[in-house]
C-alpha atoms as a PDB file:
ATOM      1  CA  MET A   1     -58.959   0.817  -2.984  1.00  0.00           C
ATOM      2  CA  TRP A   2     -62.059  -1.371  -3.257  1.00  0.00           C
ATOM      3  CA  ARG A   3     -65.720  -0.790  -3.969  1.00  0.00           C
ATOM      4  CA  VAL A   4     -68.544  -2.667  -2.276  1.00  0.00           C
ATOM      5  CA  THR A   5     -72.117  -3.500  -3.210  1.00  0.00           C
ATOM      6  CA  SER A   6     -74.457  -5.220  -0.775  1.00  0.00           C
ATOM      7  CA  ALA A   7     -77.739  -7.118  -0.819  1.00  0.00           C
ATOM      8  CA  THR A   8     -79.587  -8.946   1.946  1.00  0.00           C
ATOM      9  CA  THR A   9     -82.372 -11.536   1.880  1.00  0.00           C
ATOM     10  CA  ALA A  10     -84.146 -13.204   4.765  1.00  0.00           C
ATOM     11  CA  ALA A  11     -81.964 -16.279   4.397  1.00  0.00           C
ATOM     12  CA  ALA A  12     -78.622 -14.864   3.350  1.00  0.00           C
ATOM     13  CA  HIS A  13     -76.355 -11.842   3.355  1.00  0.00           C
ATOM     14  CA  SER A  14     -74.334 -11.026   0.250  1.00  0.00           C
ATOM     15  CA  ARG A  15     -71.519  -8.701  -0.622  1.00  0.00           C
ATOM     16  CA  THR A  16     -69.212  -8.090  -3.568  1.00  0.00           C
ATOM     17  CA  VAL A  17     -65.779  -6.526  -3.151  1.00  0.00           C
ATOM     18  CA  ARG A  18     -63.669  -5.143  -5.973  1.00  0.00           C
ATOM     19  CA  SER A  19     -59.992  -4.254  -5.989  1.00  0.00           C
ATOM     20  CA  GLU A  20     -57.920  -2.117  -8.337  1.00  0.00           C
ATOM     21  CA  ARG A  21     -55.372  -4.948  -8.429  1.00  0.00           C
ATOM     22  CA  PRO A  22     -56.208  -8.516  -9.479  1.00  0.00           C
ATOM     23  CA  VAL A  23     -57.349 -10.944  -6.813  1.00  0.00           C
ATOM     24  CA  ASP A  24     -57.075 -14.677  -7.485  1.00  0.00           C
ATOM     25  CA  LEU A  25     -59.692 -16.204  -5.197  1.00  0.00           C
ATOM     26  CA  ALA A  26     -58.706 -19.851  -5.650  1.00  0.00           C
ATOM     27  CA  ALA A  27     -55.013 -19.218  -5.008  1.00  0.00           C
ATOM     28  CA  THR A  28     -55.759 -17.005  -2.020  1.00  0.00           C
ATOM     29  CA  VAL A  29     -58.140 -19.302  -0.132  1.00  0.00           C
ATOM     30  CA  THR A  30     -56.439 -22.628  -0.906  1.00  0.00           C
ATOM     31  CA  PRO A  31     -54.619 -22.665   2.477  1.00  0.00           C
ATOM     32  CA  LEU A  32     -58.029 -22.878   4.206  1.00  0.00           C
ATOM     33  CA  ARG A  33     -58.568 -26.376   2.856  1.00  0.00           C
ATOM     34  CA  ARG A  34     -57.043 -29.148   4.948  1.00  0.00           C
ATOM     35  CA  GLY A  35     -56.726 -31.904   2.410  1.00  0.00           C
ATOM     36  CA  PHE A  36     -59.178 -33.885   0.335  1.00  0.00           C
ATOM     37  CA  GLY A  37     -62.531 -34.266   2.042  1.00  0.00           C
ATOM     38  CA  ASP A  38     -62.024 -31.454   4.569  1.00  0.00           C
ATOM     39  CA  PRO A  39     -65.387 -31.314   6.402  1.00  0.00           C
ATOM     40  CA  CYS A  40     -65.094 -27.520   6.798  1.00  0.00           C
ATOM     41  CA  HIS A  41     -64.273 -26.648   3.188  1.00  0.00           C
ATOM     42  CA  ARG A  42     -65.771 -27.505  -0.168  1.00  0.00           C
ATOM     43  CA  GLU A  43     -65.152 -26.504  -3.769  1.00  0.00           C
ATOM     44  CA  THR A  44     -68.200 -27.049  -5.973  1.00  0.00           C
ATOM     45  CA  ALA A  45     -68.481 -27.671  -9.696  1.00  0.00           C
ATOM     46  CA  ASP A  46     -69.490 -24.063 -10.364  1.00  0.00           C
ATOM     47  CA  GLY A  47     -66.130 -22.847  -9.047  1.00  0.00           C
ATOM     48  CA  ALA A  48     -67.454 -21.617  -5.697  1.00  0.00           C
ATOM     49  CA  HIS A  49     -65.506 -22.042  -2.470  1.00  0.00           C
ATOM     50  CA  TRP A  50     -67.623 -22.911   0.587  1.00  0.00           C
ATOM     51  CA  HIS A  51     -66.319 -22.771   4.137  1.00  0.00           C
ATOM     52  CA  ALA A  52     -67.752 -23.026   7.644  1.00  0.00           C
ATOM     53  CA  SER A  53     -66.218 -21.050  10.508  1.00  0.00           C
ATOM     54  CA  ARG A  54     -66.777 -19.878  14.052  1.00  0.00           C
ATOM     55  CA  MET A  55     -66.848 -16.094  14.175  1.00  0.00           C
ATOM     56  CA  ARG A  56     -66.964 -14.255  17.485  1.00  0.00           C
ATOM     57  CA  SER A  57     -70.656 -13.543  16.854  1.00  0.00           C
ATOM     58  CA  GLY A  58     -71.494 -17.150  15.975  1.00  0.00           C
ATOM     59  CA  VAL A  59     -71.100 -19.830  13.329  1.00  0.00           C
ATOM     60  CA  VAL A  60     -71.170 -18.969   9.644  1.00  0.00           C
ATOM     61  CA  THR A  61     -71.273 -20.723   6.302  1.00  0.00           C
ATOM     62  CA  TYR A  62     -69.878 -18.620   3.495  1.00  0.00           C
ATOM     63  CA  ARG A  63     -69.665 -19.054  -0.258  1.00  0.00           C
ATOM     64  CA  LEU A  64     -67.020 -17.202  -2.262  1.00  0.00           C
ATOM     65  CA  ARG A  65     -67.132 -16.822  -6.026  1.00  0.00           C
ATOM     66  CA  GLN A  66     -64.820 -15.075  -8.493  1.00  0.00           C
ATOM     67  CA  VAL A  67     -66.868 -12.468 -10.362  1.00  0.00           C
ATOM     68  CA  ASP A  68     -64.107 -11.185 -12.603  1.00  0.00           C
ATOM     69  CA  ARG A  69     -60.355 -10.663 -12.425  1.00  0.00           C
ATOM     70  CA  CYS A  70     -60.659  -8.022  -9.713  1.00  0.00           C
ATOM     71  CA  ALA A  71     -63.897  -8.882  -7.889  1.00  0.00           C
ATOM     72  CA  VAL A  72     -65.165 -11.523  -5.460  1.00  0.00           C
ATOM     73  CA  GLU A  73     -68.747 -12.172  -4.419  1.00  0.00           C
ATOM     74  CA  ALA A  74     -69.521 -13.570  -0.959  1.00  0.00           C
ATOM     75  CA  THR A  75     -72.766 -14.959   0.425  1.00  0.00           C
ATOM     76  CA  ALA A  76     -73.046 -15.948   4.075  1.00  0.00           C
ATOM     77  CA  TRP A  77     -75.560 -17.658   6.362  1.00  0.00           C
ATOM     78  CA  GLY A  78     -75.770 -18.033  10.114  1.00  0.00           C
ATOM     79  CA  PRO A  79     -75.315 -15.847  13.220  1.00  0.00           C
ATOM     80  CA  GLY A  80     -71.783 -14.895  12.146  1.00  0.00           C
ATOM     81  CA  ALA A  81     -72.729 -13.846   8.605  1.00  0.00           C
ATOM     82  CA  GLU A  82     -72.683 -10.079   9.089  1.00  0.00           C
ATOM     83  CA  GLU A  83     -69.394 -10.160  10.983  1.00  0.00           C
ATOM     84  CA  PHE A  84     -67.804 -12.289   8.292  1.00  0.00           C
ATOM     85  CA  LEU A  85     -68.913 -10.037   5.449  1.00  0.00           C
ATOM     86  CA  ALA A  86     -67.832  -6.918   7.303  1.00  0.00           C
ATOM     87  CA  GLY A  87     -64.298  -8.310   7.394  1.00  0.00           C
ATOM     88  CA  LEU A  88     -64.176  -9.632   3.832  1.00  0.00           C
ATOM     89  CA  GLU A  89     -61.724  -7.000   2.527  1.00  0.00           C
ATOM     90  CA  SER A  90     -59.399  -7.735   5.416  1.00  0.00           C
ATOM     91  CA  MET A  91     -59.662 -11.496   4.968  1.00  0.00           C
ATOM     92  CA  LEU A  92     -58.684 -11.251   1.289  1.00  0.00           C
ATOM     93  CA  CYS A  93     -55.958  -8.711   2.106  1.00  0.00           C
ATOM     94  CA  LEU A  94     -57.274  -6.191  -0.397  1.00  0.00           C
ATOM     95  CA  ASP A  95     -55.298  -3.548   1.501  1.00  0.00           C
ATOM     96  CA  GLU A  96     -51.946  -5.146   0.681  1.00  0.00           C
ATOM     97  CA  ASP A  97     -49.134  -2.864  -0.436  1.00  0.00           C
ATOM     98  CA  LEU A  98     -46.516  -4.642  -2.541  1.00  0.00           C
ATOM     99  CA  GLY A  99     -44.391  -1.579  -3.042  1.00  0.00           C
ATOM    100  CA  ASP A 100     -41.535  -3.139  -1.091  1.00  0.00           C
ATOM    101  CA  PHE A 101     -41.726  -6.524  -2.842  1.00  0.00           C
ATOM    102  CA  ALA A 102     -38.857  -6.453  -5.320  1.00  0.00           C
ATOM    103  CA  PRO A 103     -37.572 -10.006  -5.896  1.00  0.00           C
ATOM    104  CA  GLU A 104     -34.415 -10.481  -7.918  1.00  0.00           C
ATOM    105  CA  HIS A 105     -34.267 -14.219  -8.519  1.00  0.00           C
ATOM    106  CA  PRO A 106     -35.661 -14.879 -12.033  1.00  0.00           C
ATOM    107  CA  LYS A 107     -37.933 -17.695 -10.847  1.00  0.00           C
ATOM    108  CA  VAL A 108     -39.548 -15.560  -8.151  1.00  0.00           C
ATOM    109  CA  VAL A 109     -39.940 -12.670 -10.604  1.00  0.00           C
ATOM    110  CA  GLU A 110     -41.576 -14.956 -13.169  1.00  0.00           C
ATOM    111  CA  ALA A 111     -43.784 -16.606 -10.552  1.00  0.00           C
ATOM    112  CA  HIS A 112     -45.034 -13.177  -9.481  1.00  0.00           C
ATOM    113  CA  ARG A 113     -45.680 -12.200 -13.101  1.00  0.00           C
ATOM    114  CA  ARG A 114     -47.745 -15.338 -13.609  1.00  0.00           C
ATOM    115  CA  ASN A 115     -49.740 -14.920 -10.395  1.00  0.00           C
ATOM    116  CA  PRO A 116     -50.453 -11.209  -9.860  1.00  0.00           C
ATOM    117  CA  GLY A 117     -53.700 -12.006  -8.044  1.00  0.00           C
ATOM    118  CA  LEU A 118     -52.233 -13.963  -5.136  1.00  0.00           C
ATOM    119  CA  ARG A 119     -53.199 -12.350  -1.836  1.00  0.00           C
ATOM    120  CA  MET A 120     -52.332 -13.376   1.666  1.00  0.00           C
ATOM    121  CA  LEU A 121     -55.096 -14.654   3.944  1.00  0.00           C
ATOM    122  CA  ARG A 122     -56.188 -12.805   7.086  1.00  0.00           C
ATOM    123  CA  THR A 123     -59.149 -14.614   8.643  1.00  0.00           C
ATOM    124  CA  GLY A 124     -58.426 -13.300  12.145  1.00  0.00           C
ATOM    125  CA  LEU A 125     -59.495 -16.740  13.448  1.00  0.00           C
ATOM    126  CA  VAL A 126     -56.577 -18.051  15.469  1.00  0.00           C
ATOM    127  CA  TRP A 127     -58.253 -21.169  16.832  1.00  0.00           C
ATOM    128  CA  GLU A 128     -59.428 -22.247  13.388  1.00  0.00           C
ATOM    129  CA  ALA A 129     -55.839 -22.136  12.152  1.00  0.00           C
ATOM    130  CA  LEU A 130     -54.218 -23.481  15.318  1.00  0.00           C
ATOM    131  CA  VAL A 131     -55.816 -26.914  15.671  1.00  0.00           C
ATOM    132  CA  PRO A 132     -55.046 -28.282  12.193  1.00  0.00           C
ATOM    133  CA  ALA A 133     -51.550 -26.791  12.363  1.00  0.00           C
ATOM    134  CA  VAL A 134     -50.859 -28.676  15.606  1.00  0.00           C
ATOM    135  CA  LEU A 135     -52.274 -31.855  14.074  1.00  0.00           C
ATOM    136  CA  GLU A 136     -49.784 -31.491  11.212  1.00  0.00           C
ATOM    137  CA  GLN A 137     -46.741 -31.350  13.490  1.00  0.00           C
ATOM    138  CA  LYS A 138     -44.075 -33.962  12.658  1.00  0.00           C
ATOM    139  CA  VAL A 139     -46.413 -36.326  10.791  1.00  0.00           C
ATOM    140  CA  HIS A 140     -47.300 -36.898   7.163  1.00  0.00           C
ATOM    141  CA  THR A 141     -49.763 -34.295   5.954  1.00  0.00           C
ATOM    142  CA  ARG A 142     -52.079 -37.080   4.797  1.00  0.00           C
ATOM    143  CA  THR A 143     -52.095 -38.544   8.316  1.00  0.00           C
ATOM    144  CA  ALA A 144     -52.882 -35.154   9.873  1.00  0.00           C
ATOM    145  CA  HIS A 145     -55.725 -34.521   7.443  1.00  0.00           C
ATOM    146  CA  ALA A 146     -57.254 -37.887   8.283  1.00  0.00           C
ATOM    147  CA  SER A 147     -57.123 -37.013  12.001  1.00  0.00           C
ATOM    148  CA  TRP A 148     -58.726 -33.637  11.290  1.00  0.00           C
ATOM    149  CA  ARG A 149     -61.565 -35.241   9.321  1.00  0.00           C
ATOM    150  CA  LYS A 150     -62.244 -37.829  12.010  1.00  0.00           C
ATOM    151  CA  LEU A 151     -62.344 -35.366  14.910  1.00  0.00           C
ATOM    152  CA  VAL A 152     -64.387 -32.714  13.105  1.00  0.00           C
ATOM    153  CA  TRP A 153     -66.923 -35.300  11.964  1.00  0.00           C
ATOM    154  CA  GLN A 154     -67.205 -36.646  15.491  1.00  0.00           C
ATOM    155  CA  TYR A 155     -67.275 -33.403  17.474  1.00  0.00           C
ATOM    156  CA  GLY A 156     -68.184 -30.658  14.996  1.00  0.00           C
ATOM    157  CA  THR A 157     -71.663 -29.394  14.127  1.00  0.00           C
ATOM    158  CA  PRO A 158     -73.585 -29.055  10.833  1.00  0.00           C
ATOM    159  CA  ALA A 159     -72.910 -25.834   8.958  1.00  0.00           C
ATOM    160  CA  PRO A 160     -75.807 -23.342   8.849  1.00  0.00           C
ATOM    161  CA  GLY A 161     -77.694 -22.373   5.704  1.00  0.00           C
ATOM    162  CA  PRO A 162     -77.966 -24.216   2.389  1.00  0.00           C
ATOM    163  CA  ALA A 163     -74.472 -25.646   2.689  1.00  0.00           C
ATOM    164  CA  PRO A 164     -73.223 -28.568   0.580  1.00  0.00           C
ATOM    165  CA  ASP A 165     -73.999 -31.946   2.102  1.00  0.00           C
ATOM    166  CA  GLY A 166     -71.636 -32.810   4.937  1.00  0.00           C
ATOM    167  CA  LEU A 167     -70.178 -29.336   5.475  1.00  0.00           C
ATOM    168  CA  ARG A 168     -69.419 -28.939   9.184  1.00  0.00           C
ATOM    169  CA  VAL A 169     -68.262 -26.300  11.642  1.00  0.00           C
ATOM    170  CA  MET A 170     -65.170 -27.273  13.611  1.00  0.00           C
ATOM    171  CA  PRO A 171     -65.648 -27.760  17.374  1.00  0.00           C
ATOM    172  CA  ASP A 172     -65.146 -24.763  19.645  1.00  0.00           C
ATOM    173  CA  ALA A 173     -62.187 -24.550  21.999  1.00  0.00           C
ATOM    174  CA  GLU A 174     -64.062 -25.921  25.001  1.00  0.00           C
ATOM    175  CA  THR A 175     -65.069 -29.007  23.037  1.00  0.00           C
ATOM    176  CA  TRP A 176     -61.473 -29.613  21.924  1.00  0.00           C
ATOM    177  CA  ARG A 177     -60.352 -29.150  25.513  1.00  0.00           C
ATOM    178  CA  HIS A 178     -62.657 -31.908  26.762  1.00  0.00           C
ATOM    179  CA  ILE A 179     -62.165 -34.474  23.998  1.00  0.00           C
ATOM    180  CA  PRO A 180     -60.992 -37.569  25.902  1.00  0.00           C
ATOM    181  CA  SER A 181     -57.453 -38.794  25.390  1.00  0.00           C
ATOM    182  CA  TRP A 182     -58.686 -42.086  23.967  1.00  0.00           C
ATOM    183  CA  ALA A 183     -60.617 -40.209  21.255  1.00  0.00           C
ATOM    184  CA  TYR A 184     -57.454 -38.371  20.211  1.00  0.00           C
ATOM    185  CA  HIS A 185     -55.645 -41.706  20.222  1.00  0.00           C
ATOM    186  CA  ARG A 186     -58.266 -43.331  18.006  1.00  0.00           C
ATOM    187  CA  ALA A 187     -57.913 -40.398  15.616  1.00  0.00           C
ATOM    188  CA  ASN A 188     -54.180 -41.184  15.367  1.00  0.00           C
ATOM    189  CA  VAL A 189     -53.146 -38.072  17.330  1.00  0.00           C
ATOM    190  CA  GLY A 190     -50.219 -38.698  19.651  1.00  0.00           C
ATOM    191  CA  PRO A 191     -50.130 -37.368  23.230  1.00  0.00           C
ATOM    192  CA  GLN A 192     -47.724 -34.516  22.465  1.00  0.00           C
ATOM    193  CA  ARG A 193     -50.051 -33.005  19.869  1.00  0.00           C
ATOM    194  CA  SER A 194     -53.258 -33.628  21.814  1.00  0.00           C
ATOM    195  CA  LYS A 195     -51.698 -32.042  24.912  1.00  0.00           C
ATOM    196  CA  ALA A 196     -50.760 -28.937  22.919  1.00  0.00           C
ATOM    197  CA  ILE A 197     -54.350 -28.587  21.684  1.00  0.00           C
ATOM    198  CA  VAL A 198     -55.773 -28.999  25.197  1.00  0.00           C
ATOM    199  CA  LEU A 199     -53.330 -26.484  26.693  1.00  0.00           C
ATOM    200  CA  ALA A 200     -54.081 -23.982  23.940  1.00  0.00           C
ATOM    201  CA  ALA A 201     -57.824 -24.476  24.449  1.00  0.00           C
ATOM    202  CA  ARG A 202     -57.500 -23.372  28.064  1.00  0.00           C
ATOM    203  CA  ILE A 203     -56.353 -19.914  26.965  1.00  0.00           C
ATOM    204  CA  ALA A 204     -58.106 -19.742  23.590  1.00  0.00           C
ATOM    205  CA  PRO A 205     -59.613 -16.255  24.155  1.00  0.00           C
ATOM    206  CA  LYS A 206     -56.156 -14.849  24.910  1.00  0.00           C
ATOM    207  CA  LEU A 207     -54.738 -16.523  21.818  1.00  0.00           C
ATOM    208  CA  GLU A 208     -57.537 -15.091  19.653  1.00  0.00           C
ATOM    209  CA  GLU A 209     -56.415 -11.626  20.780  1.00  0.00           C
ATOM    210  CA  ALA A 210     -53.127 -12.247  18.949  1.00  0.00           C
ATOM    211  CA  ALA A 211     -54.924 -11.257  15.735  1.00  0.00           C
ATOM    212  CA  GLU A 212     -54.850  -7.655  16.997  1.00  0.00           C
ATOM    213  CA  LEU A 213     -51.102  -7.659  17.723  1.00  0.00           C
ATOM    214  CA  SER A 214     -48.108  -7.056  15.491  1.00  0.00           C
ATOM    215  CA  HIS A 215     -46.916 -10.147  13.678  1.00  0.00           C
ATOM    216  CA  ALA A 216     -43.877 -10.444  15.950  1.00  0.00           C
ATOM    217  CA  ASP A 217     -45.899 -10.051  19.136  1.00  0.00           C
ATOM    218  CA  ALA A 218     -48.542 -12.483  17.873  1.00  0.00           C
ATOM    219  CA  ALA A 219     -45.884 -15.128  17.223  1.00  0.00           C
ATOM    220  CA  ARG A 220     -44.484 -14.666  20.701  1.00  0.00           C
ATOM    221  CA  ARG A 221     -47.906 -15.031  22.290  1.00  0.00           C
ATOM    222  CA  LEU A 222     -48.658 -18.218  20.372  1.00  0.00           C
ATOM    223  CA  GLN A 223     -45.333 -19.722  21.413  1.00  0.00           C
ATOM    224  CA  THR A 224     -46.128 -19.307  25.103  1.00  0.00           C
ATOM    225  CA  VAL A 225     -48.193 -22.491  24.711  1.00  0.00           C
ATOM    226  CA  PRO A 226     -46.054 -25.608  25.295  1.00  0.00           C
ATOM    227  CA  GLY A 227     -46.006 -27.557  22.055  1.00  0.00           C
ATOM    228  CA  ILE A 228     -46.365 -24.530  19.770  1.00  0.00           C
ATOM    229  CA  GLY A 229     -43.076 -23.490  18.242  1.00  0.00           C
ATOM    230  CA  VAL A 230     -41.804 -21.425  15.330  1.00  0.00           C
ATOM    231  CA  TRP A 231     -43.217 -23.718  12.635  1.00  0.00           C
ATOM    232  CA  THR A 232     -46.728 -23.919  14.113  1.00  0.00           C
ATOM    233  CA  ALA A 233     -46.842 -20.185  14.807  1.00  0.00           C
ATOM    234  CA  ALA A 234     -45.912 -19.513  11.175  1.00  0.00           C
ATOM    235  CA  GLU A 235     -48.599 -21.866   9.868  1.00  0.00           C
ATOM    236  CA  ILE A 236     -51.168 -20.011  11.995  1.00  0.00           C
ATOM    237  CA  ALA A 237     -49.896 -16.602  10.879  1.00  0.00           C
ATOM    238  CA  GLN A 238     -50.180 -17.585   7.218  1.00  0.00           C
ATOM    239  CA  ARG A 239     -53.925 -18.076   7.586  1.00  0.00           C
ATOM    240  CA  ALA A 240     -55.062 -15.934  10.497  1.00  0.00           C
ATOM    241  CA  PHE A 241     -52.807 -12.863  10.312  1.00  0.00           C
ATOM    242  CA  GLY A 242     -52.074 -12.385   6.606  1.00  0.00           C
ATOM    243  CA  ASP A 243     -48.355 -12.362   7.408  1.00  0.00           C
ATOM    244  CA  PRO A 244     -46.449 -12.415   4.090  1.00  0.00           C
ATOM    245  CA  ASP A 245     -43.201 -13.189   5.923  1.00  0.00           C
ATOM    246  CA  ALA A 246     -44.400 -16.203   7.955  1.00  0.00           C
ATOM    247  CA  LEU A 247     -41.798 -18.678   6.747  1.00  0.00           C
ATOM    248  CA  SER A 248     -42.406 -22.232   8.008  1.00  0.00           C
ATOM    249  CA  VAL A 249     -38.926 -22.777   9.423  1.00  0.00           C
ATOM    250  CA  GLY A 250     -38.610 -26.356  10.633  1.00  0.00           C
ATOM    251  CA  ASP A 251     -40.775 -27.827   7.900  1.00  0.00           C
ATOM    252  CA  PHE A 252     -39.585 -31.289   6.870  1.00  0.00           C
ATOM    253  CA  HIS A 253     -39.455 -30.409   3.145  1.00  0.00           C
ATOM    254  CA  LEU A 254     -39.348 -26.623   2.797  1.00  0.00           C
ATOM    255  CA  ALA A 255     -35.618 -25.924   3.066  1.00  0.00           C
ATOM    256  CA  ALA A 256     -34.788 -28.642   0.539  1.00  0.00           C
ATOM    257  CA  VAL A 257     -37.515 -27.412  -1.824  1.00  0.00           C
ATOM    258  CA  VAL A 258     -36.290 -23.813  -1.623  1.00  0.00           C
ATOM    259  CA  GLY A 259     -32.693 -24.925  -2.093  1.00  0.00           C
ATOM    260  CA  TRP A 260     -33.345 -27.088  -5.132  1.00  0.00           C
ATOM    261  CA  THR A 261     -35.718 -24.538  -6.675  1.00  0.00           C
ATOM    262  CA  LEU A 262     -33.575 -21.439  -6.292  1.00  0.00           C
ATOM    263  CA  LEU A 263     -30.010 -22.788  -5.943  1.00  0.00           C
ATOM    264  CA  GLY A 264     -30.093 -26.182  -7.603  1.00  0.00           C
ATOM    265  CA  ARG A 265     -28.979 -27.936  -4.435  1.00  0.00           C
ATOM    266  CA  PRO A 266     -30.409 -28.808  -1.010  1.00  0.00           C
ATOM    267  CA  VAL A 267     -29.953 -26.481   1.951  1.00  0.00           C
ATOM    268  CA  ASP A 268     -30.819 -26.663   5.639  1.00  0.00           C
ATOM    269  CA  ASP A 269     -33.084 -24.299   7.576  1.00  0.00           C
ATOM    270  CA  ASP A 270     -30.289 -21.891   8.538  1.00  0.00           C
ATOM    271  CA  ALA A 271     -29.086 -21.581   4.949  1.00  0.00           C
ATOM    272  CA  MET A 272     -32.648 -21.119   3.698  1.00  0.00           C
ATOM    273  CA  VAL A 273     -33.304 -18.322   6.188  1.00  0.00           C
ATOM    274  CA  GLU A 274     -30.043 -16.609   5.239  1.00  0.00           C
ATOM    275  CA  TYR A 275     -30.699 -16.916   1.500  1.00  0.00           C
ATOM    276  CA  LEU A 276     -34.263 -15.590   1.727  1.00  0.00           C
ATOM    277  CA  GLU A 277     -33.338 -12.681   4.001  1.00  0.00           C
ATOM    278  CA  PRO A 278     -33.389 -10.113   1.136  1.00  0.00           C
ATOM    279  CA  LEU A 279     -37.037 -11.018   0.508  1.00  0.00           C
ATOM    280  CA  ARG A 280     -38.115 -10.020   4.017  1.00  0.00           C
ATOM    281  CA  PRO A 281     -40.956  -9.155   4.755  1.00  0.00           C
ATOM    282  CA  HIS A 282     -42.284 -11.293   1.884  1.00  0.00           C
ATOM    283  CA  ARG A 283     -40.549 -14.653   2.343  1.00  0.00           C
ATOM    284  CA  TYR A 284     -43.765 -16.660   2.673  1.00  0.00           C
ATOM    285  CA  ARG A 285     -45.259 -14.816  -0.298  1.00  0.00           C
ATOM    286  CA  ALA A 286     -42.263 -15.829  -2.401  1.00  0.00           C
ATOM    287  CA  VAL A 287     -42.679 -19.493  -1.424  1.00  0.00           C
ATOM    288  CA  ARG A 288     -46.401 -19.417  -2.268  1.00  0.00           C
ATOM    289  CA  LEU A 289     -45.667 -17.833  -5.649  1.00  0.00           C
ATOM    290  CA  LEU A 290     -43.112 -20.534  -6.467  1.00  0.00           C
ATOM    291  CA  GLU A 291     -45.640 -23.209  -5.523  1.00  0.00           C
ATOM    292  CA  LEU A 292     -48.395 -21.690  -7.641  1.00  0.00           C
ATOM    293  CA  ALA A 293     -46.101 -21.323 -10.642  1.00  0.00           C
ATOM    294  CA  GLY A 294     -45.121 -24.978 -10.393  1.00  0.00           C
ATOM    295  CA  PHE A 295     -41.477 -24.113  -9.793  1.00  0.00           C
ATOM    296  CA  ALA A 296     -41.156 -25.513  -6.261  1.00  0.00           C
ATOM    297  CA  HIS A 297     -39.657 -28.986  -6.359  1.00  0.00           C
ATOM    298  CA  LYS A 298     -36.985 -31.301  -5.061  1.00  0.00           C
ATOM    299  CA  PRO A 299     -35.660 -34.555  -6.541  1.00  0.00           C
ATOM    300  CA  LYS A 300     -36.956 -37.864  -5.239  1.00  0.00           C
ATOM    301  CA  PHE A 301     -34.095 -40.017  -4.001  1.00  0.00           C
ATOM    302  CA  GLY A 302     -35.942 -42.901  -2.387  1.00  0.00           C
ATOM    303  CA  PRO A 303     -39.204 -44.249  -0.981  1.00  0.00           C
ATOM    304  CA  ARG A 304     -41.424 -42.149   1.247  1.00  0.00           C
ATOM    305  CA  THR A 305     -40.994 -42.553   4.976  1.00  0.00           C
ATOM    306  CA  PRO A 306     -43.569 -44.987   6.383  1.00  0.00           C
ATOM    307  CA  PHE A 307     -46.834 -43.826   7.893  1.00  0.00           C
ATOM    308  CA  THR A 308     -47.254 -44.424  11.631  1.00  0.00           C
ATOM    309  CA  ASP A 309     -50.696 -45.291  12.926  1.00  0.00           C
ATOM    310  CA  HIS A 310     -50.575 -44.241  16.589  1.00  0.00           C
ATOM    311  CA  SER A 311     -54.119 -45.468  17.118  1.00  0.00           C
ATOM    312  CA  ARG A 312     -52.849 -49.043  16.857  1.00  0.00           C
ATOM    313  CA  ILE A 313     -50.078 -48.603  19.392  1.00  0.00           C
END
């Protein structure tokens, strides 16, 4: 269970949540950040995590700070502040039950021992997770993050409240829908990815409803959009639904990383899925734990694949 204390000022709303189990704020919210210089996310020198979002009730800037091993303090500004704070326990997955998480591989066991405060992330914000996930399809992560920065800077809005300089709210679905094709092109986003974003924007309200469905039904609804497949649906579920089993099947590196880390050899997607089956419904949790513990790796056999700048084509 958790305990809550609240305080409100004219400019801000604040809330502190406490769990009986540890909660590692930094590890939990890291997936919200889309690379260095993400306009929607900022980590400040005092250890606070700032983020700007679009809640159903309006935009919000929120600041999260670790109070102690089991408590997190949140302060929020903007029309969406009260809605955000009301869902803070859910977002940080303080209701998680790990009674059925019983890994056997020594590395997963040790990674869990080292990181008892890792929680999943359940923002409930499908659109916020969908756009950057689509941008990251089949390109270098660094390239996708650059596209994200460029488009959010150009079409986003300033974050409300006393936010760090440059913090911005991502554009709403209608704005993404009407971004001209040449603007996507200049941001180095190819037509397949831009088309997927535009098609998803047309039914954004229906996609947002996926947050209320079971994980399986939510994945199926997301994949009704042409251009959104298993990998993209998993990346969304990891951030919006708190799905501890949302394994990013189809990722360029993941199967090899899992193979080398747990078996000492590379494997393909099918072999990875088969090997991780005993960890269901916590396969994504296991991968995150291995990453946090520094165990996830694969050997480097050659130079990186070259970056493609579609904006110059």
